[in-house]
N, C-alpha and C. Protein backbone atom coordinates (compact mmCIF):
# COMPACT_ATOMS: atom_id res chain seq x y z
N MET A 1 47.28 64.93 47.49
CA MET A 1 48.28 65.98 47.53
C MET A 1 49.66 65.45 47.18
N LEU A 2 50.03 64.28 47.69
CA LEU A 2 51.34 63.73 47.43
C LEU A 2 51.54 63.43 45.95
N VAL A 3 50.51 62.91 45.29
CA VAL A 3 50.60 62.61 43.87
C VAL A 3 50.81 63.89 43.07
N ARG A 4 50.10 64.94 43.41
CA ARG A 4 50.27 66.21 42.70
C ARG A 4 51.67 66.75 42.90
N PHE A 5 52.20 66.62 44.12
CA PHE A 5 53.53 67.14 44.39
C PHE A 5 54.57 66.38 43.57
N ARG A 6 54.43 65.07 43.49
CA ARG A 6 55.33 64.27 42.66
C ARG A 6 55.24 64.71 41.20
N ARG A 7 54.05 65.01 40.75
CA ARG A 7 53.87 65.45 39.37
C ARG A 7 54.62 66.75 39.12
N VAL A 8 54.61 67.65 40.06
CA VAL A 8 55.33 68.91 39.92
C VAL A 8 56.83 68.64 39.86
N LEU A 9 57.34 67.75 40.69
CA LEU A 9 58.77 67.46 40.70
C LEU A 9 59.20 66.75 39.42
N ALA A 10 58.35 65.93 38.86
CA ALA A 10 58.71 65.19 37.65
C ALA A 10 58.79 66.10 36.44
N PHE A 11 58.00 67.14 36.39
CA PHE A 11 58.00 68.07 35.28
C PHE A 11 58.32 69.46 35.81
N PRO A 12 59.53 69.97 35.54
CA PRO A 12 59.97 71.23 36.13
C PRO A 12 59.06 72.41 35.84
N VAL A 13 58.39 72.43 34.70
CA VAL A 13 57.52 73.55 34.37
C VAL A 13 56.14 72.99 34.05
N ARG A 14 55.13 73.53 34.68
CA ARG A 14 53.78 73.03 34.49
C ARG A 14 53.05 73.90 33.48
N CYS A 15 52.24 73.30 32.64
CA CYS A 15 51.45 74.06 31.69
C CYS A 15 50.14 74.48 32.36
N THR A 16 49.39 75.33 31.70
CA THR A 16 48.16 75.88 32.27
C THR A 16 47.16 74.80 32.63
N ALA A 17 47.03 73.78 31.79
CA ALA A 17 46.06 72.72 32.07
C ALA A 17 46.39 72.03 33.38
N GLU A 18 47.66 71.80 33.66
CA GLU A 18 48.04 71.16 34.91
C GLU A 18 47.89 72.10 36.10
N ALA A 19 47.97 73.39 35.86
CA ALA A 19 47.86 74.36 36.95
C ALA A 19 46.49 74.30 37.61
N ARG A 20 45.51 73.74 36.92
CA ARG A 20 44.17 73.60 37.52
C ARG A 20 44.19 72.69 38.73
N PHE A 21 45.23 71.83 38.84
CA PHE A 21 45.36 70.96 40.00
C PHE A 21 45.72 71.75 41.26
N ALA A 22 46.26 72.94 41.08
CA ALA A 22 46.65 73.75 42.23
C ALA A 22 45.39 74.39 42.81
N SER A 23 44.67 73.61 43.58
CA SER A 23 43.35 74.04 44.04
C SER A 23 43.41 75.03 45.20
N SER A 24 44.42 74.97 46.01
CA SER A 24 44.47 75.88 47.14
C SER A 24 45.50 76.98 46.89
N THR A 25 45.34 78.07 47.57
CA THR A 25 46.27 79.19 47.43
C THR A 25 47.67 78.79 47.86
N LYS A 26 47.77 78.01 48.92
CA LYS A 26 49.08 77.58 49.41
C LYS A 26 49.77 76.70 48.38
N GLU A 27 49.04 75.75 47.81
CA GLU A 27 49.62 74.87 46.81
C GLU A 27 50.02 75.67 45.56
N ALA A 28 49.20 76.63 45.15
CA ALA A 28 49.52 77.46 44.00
C ALA A 28 50.79 78.27 44.25
N ALA A 29 50.98 78.75 45.47
CA ALA A 29 52.19 79.50 45.81
C ALA A 29 53.43 78.61 45.75
N ILE A 30 53.30 77.38 46.21
CA ILE A 30 54.42 76.42 46.15
C ILE A 30 54.78 76.12 44.71
N VAL A 31 53.76 75.84 43.90
CA VAL A 31 53.99 75.55 42.48
C VAL A 31 54.62 76.74 41.79
N GLY A 32 54.13 77.94 42.04
CA GLY A 32 54.69 79.14 41.43
C GLY A 32 56.14 79.35 41.81
N ALA A 33 56.47 79.15 43.07
CA ALA A 33 57.86 79.30 43.52
C ALA A 33 58.75 78.24 42.88
N PHE A 34 58.24 77.02 42.76
CA PHE A 34 59.02 75.96 42.14
C PHE A 34 59.31 76.29 40.68
N ARG A 35 58.27 76.70 39.95
CA ARG A 35 58.45 77.02 38.53
C ARG A 35 59.41 78.17 38.34
N LYS A 36 59.35 79.15 39.18
CA LYS A 36 60.21 80.33 39.04
C LYS A 36 61.67 79.98 39.32
N ASN A 37 61.93 79.01 40.18
CA ASN A 37 63.29 78.67 40.57
C ASN A 37 63.79 77.36 39.96
N ALA A 38 63.04 76.78 39.03
CA ALA A 38 63.43 75.51 38.42
C ALA A 38 64.73 75.67 37.64
N LYS A 39 65.65 74.76 37.87
CA LYS A 39 66.94 74.76 37.17
C LYS A 39 67.12 73.38 36.54
N VAL A 40 67.29 73.35 35.22
CA VAL A 40 67.53 72.12 34.50
C VAL A 40 68.80 72.34 33.68
N ASP A 41 69.77 71.44 33.81
CA ASP A 41 71.04 71.61 33.09
C ASP A 41 70.80 71.75 31.60
N GLY A 42 71.39 72.78 31.01
CA GLY A 42 71.33 73.00 29.57
C GLY A 42 70.09 73.70 29.07
N ILE A 43 69.14 73.99 29.97
CA ILE A 43 67.89 74.63 29.56
C ILE A 43 67.73 75.95 30.32
N THR A 44 67.56 77.02 29.58
CA THR A 44 67.29 78.32 30.16
C THR A 44 65.78 78.51 30.20
N VAL A 45 65.23 78.68 31.39
CA VAL A 45 63.79 78.85 31.56
C VAL A 45 63.50 80.34 31.73
N VAL A 46 62.64 80.85 30.89
CA VAL A 46 62.22 82.26 30.96
C VAL A 46 60.84 82.29 31.59
N SER A 47 60.75 82.91 32.76
CA SER A 47 59.45 82.98 33.43
C SER A 47 59.17 84.36 34.01
N ASP A 48 60.07 85.33 33.75
CA ASP A 48 59.83 86.68 34.22
C ASP A 48 60.40 87.69 33.22
N LYS A 49 60.08 88.95 33.41
CA LYS A 49 60.47 90.00 32.47
C LYS A 49 61.99 90.15 32.38
N GLU A 50 62.67 90.08 33.50
CA GLU A 50 64.13 90.25 33.52
C GLU A 50 64.84 89.19 32.67
N SER A 51 64.47 87.93 32.86
CA SER A 51 65.11 86.87 32.07
C SER A 51 64.70 86.95 30.61
N ALA A 52 63.48 87.40 30.33
CA ALA A 52 63.03 87.55 28.95
C ALA A 52 63.85 88.62 28.23
N GLU A 53 64.17 89.71 28.90
CA GLU A 53 64.97 90.77 28.27
C GLU A 53 66.38 90.29 27.94
N LYS A 54 66.98 89.51 28.83
CA LYS A 54 68.31 88.96 28.58
C LYS A 54 68.30 88.02 27.37
N VAL A 55 67.31 87.14 27.33
CA VAL A 55 67.21 86.19 26.24
C VAL A 55 66.91 86.90 24.92
N LEU A 56 66.07 87.92 24.97
CA LEU A 56 65.74 88.66 23.76
C LEU A 56 66.97 89.34 23.17
N ALA A 57 67.84 89.87 24.02
CA ALA A 57 69.09 90.46 23.54
C ALA A 57 69.95 89.42 22.83
N GLU A 58 70.00 88.21 23.38
CA GLU A 58 70.78 87.13 22.75
C GLU A 58 70.14 86.71 21.42
N LEU A 59 68.82 86.65 21.36
CA LEU A 59 68.15 86.30 20.11
C LEU A 59 68.40 87.35 19.03
N TYR A 60 68.39 88.62 19.40
CA TYR A 60 68.71 89.68 18.44
C TYR A 60 70.15 89.54 17.94
N ARG A 61 71.05 89.17 18.83
CA ARG A 61 72.45 88.98 18.45
C ARG A 61 72.60 87.83 17.46
N LEU A 62 71.72 86.85 17.57
CA LEU A 62 71.78 85.66 16.71
C LEU A 62 70.83 85.76 15.51
N ASN A 63 70.49 86.96 15.08
CA ASN A 63 69.49 87.11 14.02
C ASN A 63 69.94 86.57 12.66
N ASP A 64 71.22 86.29 12.48
CA ASP A 64 71.72 85.78 11.20
C ASP A 64 71.76 84.25 11.14
N ARG A 65 71.31 83.59 12.17
CA ARG A 65 71.38 82.13 12.20
C ARG A 65 69.98 81.54 12.34
N PRO A 66 69.80 80.31 11.85
CA PRO A 66 68.47 79.68 11.95
C PRO A 66 68.07 79.41 13.40
N HIS A 67 66.80 79.54 13.67
CA HIS A 67 66.22 79.25 14.98
C HIS A 67 65.14 78.18 14.80
N ALA A 68 65.18 77.16 15.61
CA ALA A 68 64.13 76.14 15.60
C ALA A 68 63.17 76.44 16.75
N TRP A 69 61.93 76.77 16.44
CA TRP A 69 60.92 77.11 17.44
C TRP A 69 59.82 76.06 17.47
N ASP A 70 59.28 75.84 18.65
CA ASP A 70 58.09 75.01 18.82
C ASP A 70 57.23 75.70 19.86
N THR A 71 55.93 75.69 19.65
CA THR A 71 55.02 76.31 20.60
C THR A 71 53.93 75.32 21.00
N GLU A 72 53.39 75.53 22.17
CA GLU A 72 52.23 74.78 22.64
C GLU A 72 51.13 75.81 22.90
N THR A 73 49.93 75.50 22.44
CA THR A 73 48.83 76.44 22.58
C THR A 73 47.70 75.85 23.41
N ALA A 74 46.82 76.71 23.85
CA ALA A 74 45.63 76.30 24.60
C ALA A 74 44.44 77.12 24.08
N ASP A 75 43.27 76.63 24.36
CA ASP A 75 42.03 77.31 23.98
C ASP A 75 41.86 77.41 22.47
N VAL A 76 42.27 76.35 21.75
CA VAL A 76 42.10 76.26 20.31
C VAL A 76 41.16 75.09 20.03
N SER A 77 40.16 75.31 19.21
CA SER A 77 39.22 74.25 18.87
C SER A 77 39.84 73.37 17.79
N LEU A 78 40.19 72.13 18.18
CA LEU A 78 40.79 71.20 17.24
C LEU A 78 39.73 70.27 16.66
N GLY A 79 40.06 69.61 15.60
CA GLY A 79 39.14 68.64 15.01
C GLY A 79 38.93 68.93 13.54
N ARG A 80 37.96 68.25 12.98
CA ARG A 80 37.66 68.39 11.55
C ARG A 80 36.37 69.18 11.38
N GLY A 81 36.24 69.76 10.21
CA GLY A 81 35.00 70.45 9.90
C GLY A 81 35.10 71.94 10.11
N GLY A 82 33.96 72.58 10.09
CA GLY A 82 33.89 74.03 10.16
C GLY A 82 34.28 74.63 11.50
N GLN A 83 34.29 73.83 12.56
CA GLN A 83 34.60 74.36 13.89
C GLN A 83 36.09 74.31 14.21
N ALA A 84 36.90 73.63 13.40
CA ALA A 84 38.34 73.50 13.66
C ALA A 84 39.03 74.84 13.46
N GLN A 85 40.01 75.12 14.31
CA GLN A 85 40.76 76.38 14.24
C GLN A 85 42.24 76.09 14.13
N SER A 86 42.93 76.98 13.48
CA SER A 86 44.39 76.95 13.47
C SER A 86 44.85 77.71 14.71
N PRO A 87 46.01 77.37 15.26
CA PRO A 87 46.52 78.14 16.40
C PRO A 87 46.86 79.59 16.05
N VAL A 88 47.03 79.86 14.75
CA VAL A 88 47.34 81.23 14.33
C VAL A 88 46.14 82.13 14.59
N SER A 89 46.32 83.12 15.42
CA SER A 89 45.32 84.12 15.83
C SER A 89 44.14 83.53 16.61
N HIS A 90 44.30 82.30 17.13
CA HIS A 90 43.28 81.71 18.01
C HIS A 90 43.98 81.20 19.26
N GLY A 91 43.28 81.21 20.36
CA GLY A 91 43.83 80.68 21.60
C GLY A 91 44.99 81.52 22.11
N ARG A 92 45.88 80.85 22.84
CA ARG A 92 47.03 81.55 23.41
C ARG A 92 48.21 80.59 23.49
N VAL A 93 49.39 81.15 23.48
CA VAL A 93 50.61 80.36 23.57
C VAL A 93 50.89 80.08 25.04
N VAL A 94 51.00 78.81 25.40
CA VAL A 94 51.28 78.41 26.78
C VAL A 94 52.78 78.42 27.03
N CYS A 95 53.55 77.87 26.06
CA CYS A 95 54.99 77.87 26.19
C CYS A 95 55.61 77.79 24.80
N ALA A 96 56.89 78.13 24.73
CA ALA A 96 57.63 78.05 23.48
C ALA A 96 59.03 77.57 23.80
N THR A 97 59.61 76.83 22.86
CA THR A 97 61.00 76.38 23.00
C THR A 97 61.78 76.84 21.78
N CYS A 98 63.07 77.06 21.98
CA CYS A 98 63.93 77.51 20.89
C CYS A 98 65.30 76.85 21.01
N TYR A 99 65.87 76.56 19.84
CA TYR A 99 67.22 76.00 19.79
C TYR A 99 67.94 76.64 18.60
N CYS A 100 69.15 77.13 18.84
CA CYS A 100 69.94 77.79 17.80
C CYS A 100 71.30 77.14 17.59
N GLY A 101 71.61 76.10 18.31
CA GLY A 101 72.89 75.41 18.19
C GLY A 101 73.55 75.22 19.55
N ASP A 102 74.45 74.24 19.63
CA ASP A 102 75.11 73.94 20.90
C ASP A 102 76.05 75.03 21.38
N ASP A 103 76.50 75.90 20.48
CA ASP A 103 77.44 76.95 20.87
C ASP A 103 76.76 78.18 21.45
N VAL A 104 75.44 78.21 21.49
CA VAL A 104 74.68 79.33 22.03
C VAL A 104 74.45 79.12 23.52
N ASP A 105 74.51 80.20 24.28
CA ASP A 105 74.21 80.12 25.72
C ASP A 105 73.21 81.21 26.07
N PHE A 106 71.98 80.81 26.36
CA PHE A 106 70.94 81.76 26.73
C PHE A 106 71.00 82.14 28.21
N GLY A 107 71.95 81.57 28.92
CA GLY A 107 72.08 81.85 30.35
C GLY A 107 72.33 80.57 31.13
N ASN A 108 71.64 79.51 30.73
CA ASN A 108 71.84 78.21 31.38
C ASN A 108 71.98 77.11 30.32
N GLY A 109 72.43 77.49 29.15
CA GLY A 109 72.65 76.50 28.10
C GLY A 109 71.99 76.87 26.79
N PRO A 110 72.10 75.97 25.80
CA PRO A 110 71.65 76.28 24.45
C PRO A 110 70.16 76.07 24.18
N ARG A 111 69.44 75.51 25.11
CA ARG A 111 68.01 75.28 24.90
C ARG A 111 67.21 76.29 25.71
N LEU A 112 66.21 76.85 25.05
CA LEU A 112 65.40 77.91 25.65
C LEU A 112 63.97 77.43 25.84
N PHE A 113 63.42 77.66 27.03
CA PHE A 113 62.04 77.34 27.34
C PHE A 113 61.38 78.61 27.85
N VAL A 114 60.37 79.10 27.13
CA VAL A 114 59.65 80.30 27.53
C VAL A 114 58.31 79.88 28.14
N ASP A 115 58.15 80.13 29.43
CA ASP A 115 56.94 79.79 30.17
C ASP A 115 56.01 80.99 30.11
N ASN A 116 54.89 80.85 29.43
CA ASN A 116 53.98 81.98 29.21
C ASN A 116 52.70 81.84 30.01
N THR A 117 52.74 81.06 31.09
CA THR A 117 51.51 80.86 31.87
C THR A 117 51.41 81.88 32.98
């Protein structure tokens, strides 16, 4: 239990694969509360509908400027050959990050982290 708790503290937002470690309901509740209230300087974490709507309004306002996006996916068959899949239209997006410049403020700074778990 102590090792798992340290892991949660070391990484403010956990991805779906790591969430499997939350074996008990109590531990899952602690992890969920931590993720929802995580604050990292310069990074705006979107984990609920209210924060998503605020960030979406800012993204619409910035539609004339370049956006650098990165996504992490799960449930995609990787590898070579006929069984390999592209993340496009396969699996699901676990999280996404966005950066539009240092002068942008999504609420807690210029870097955006969308938690989709």
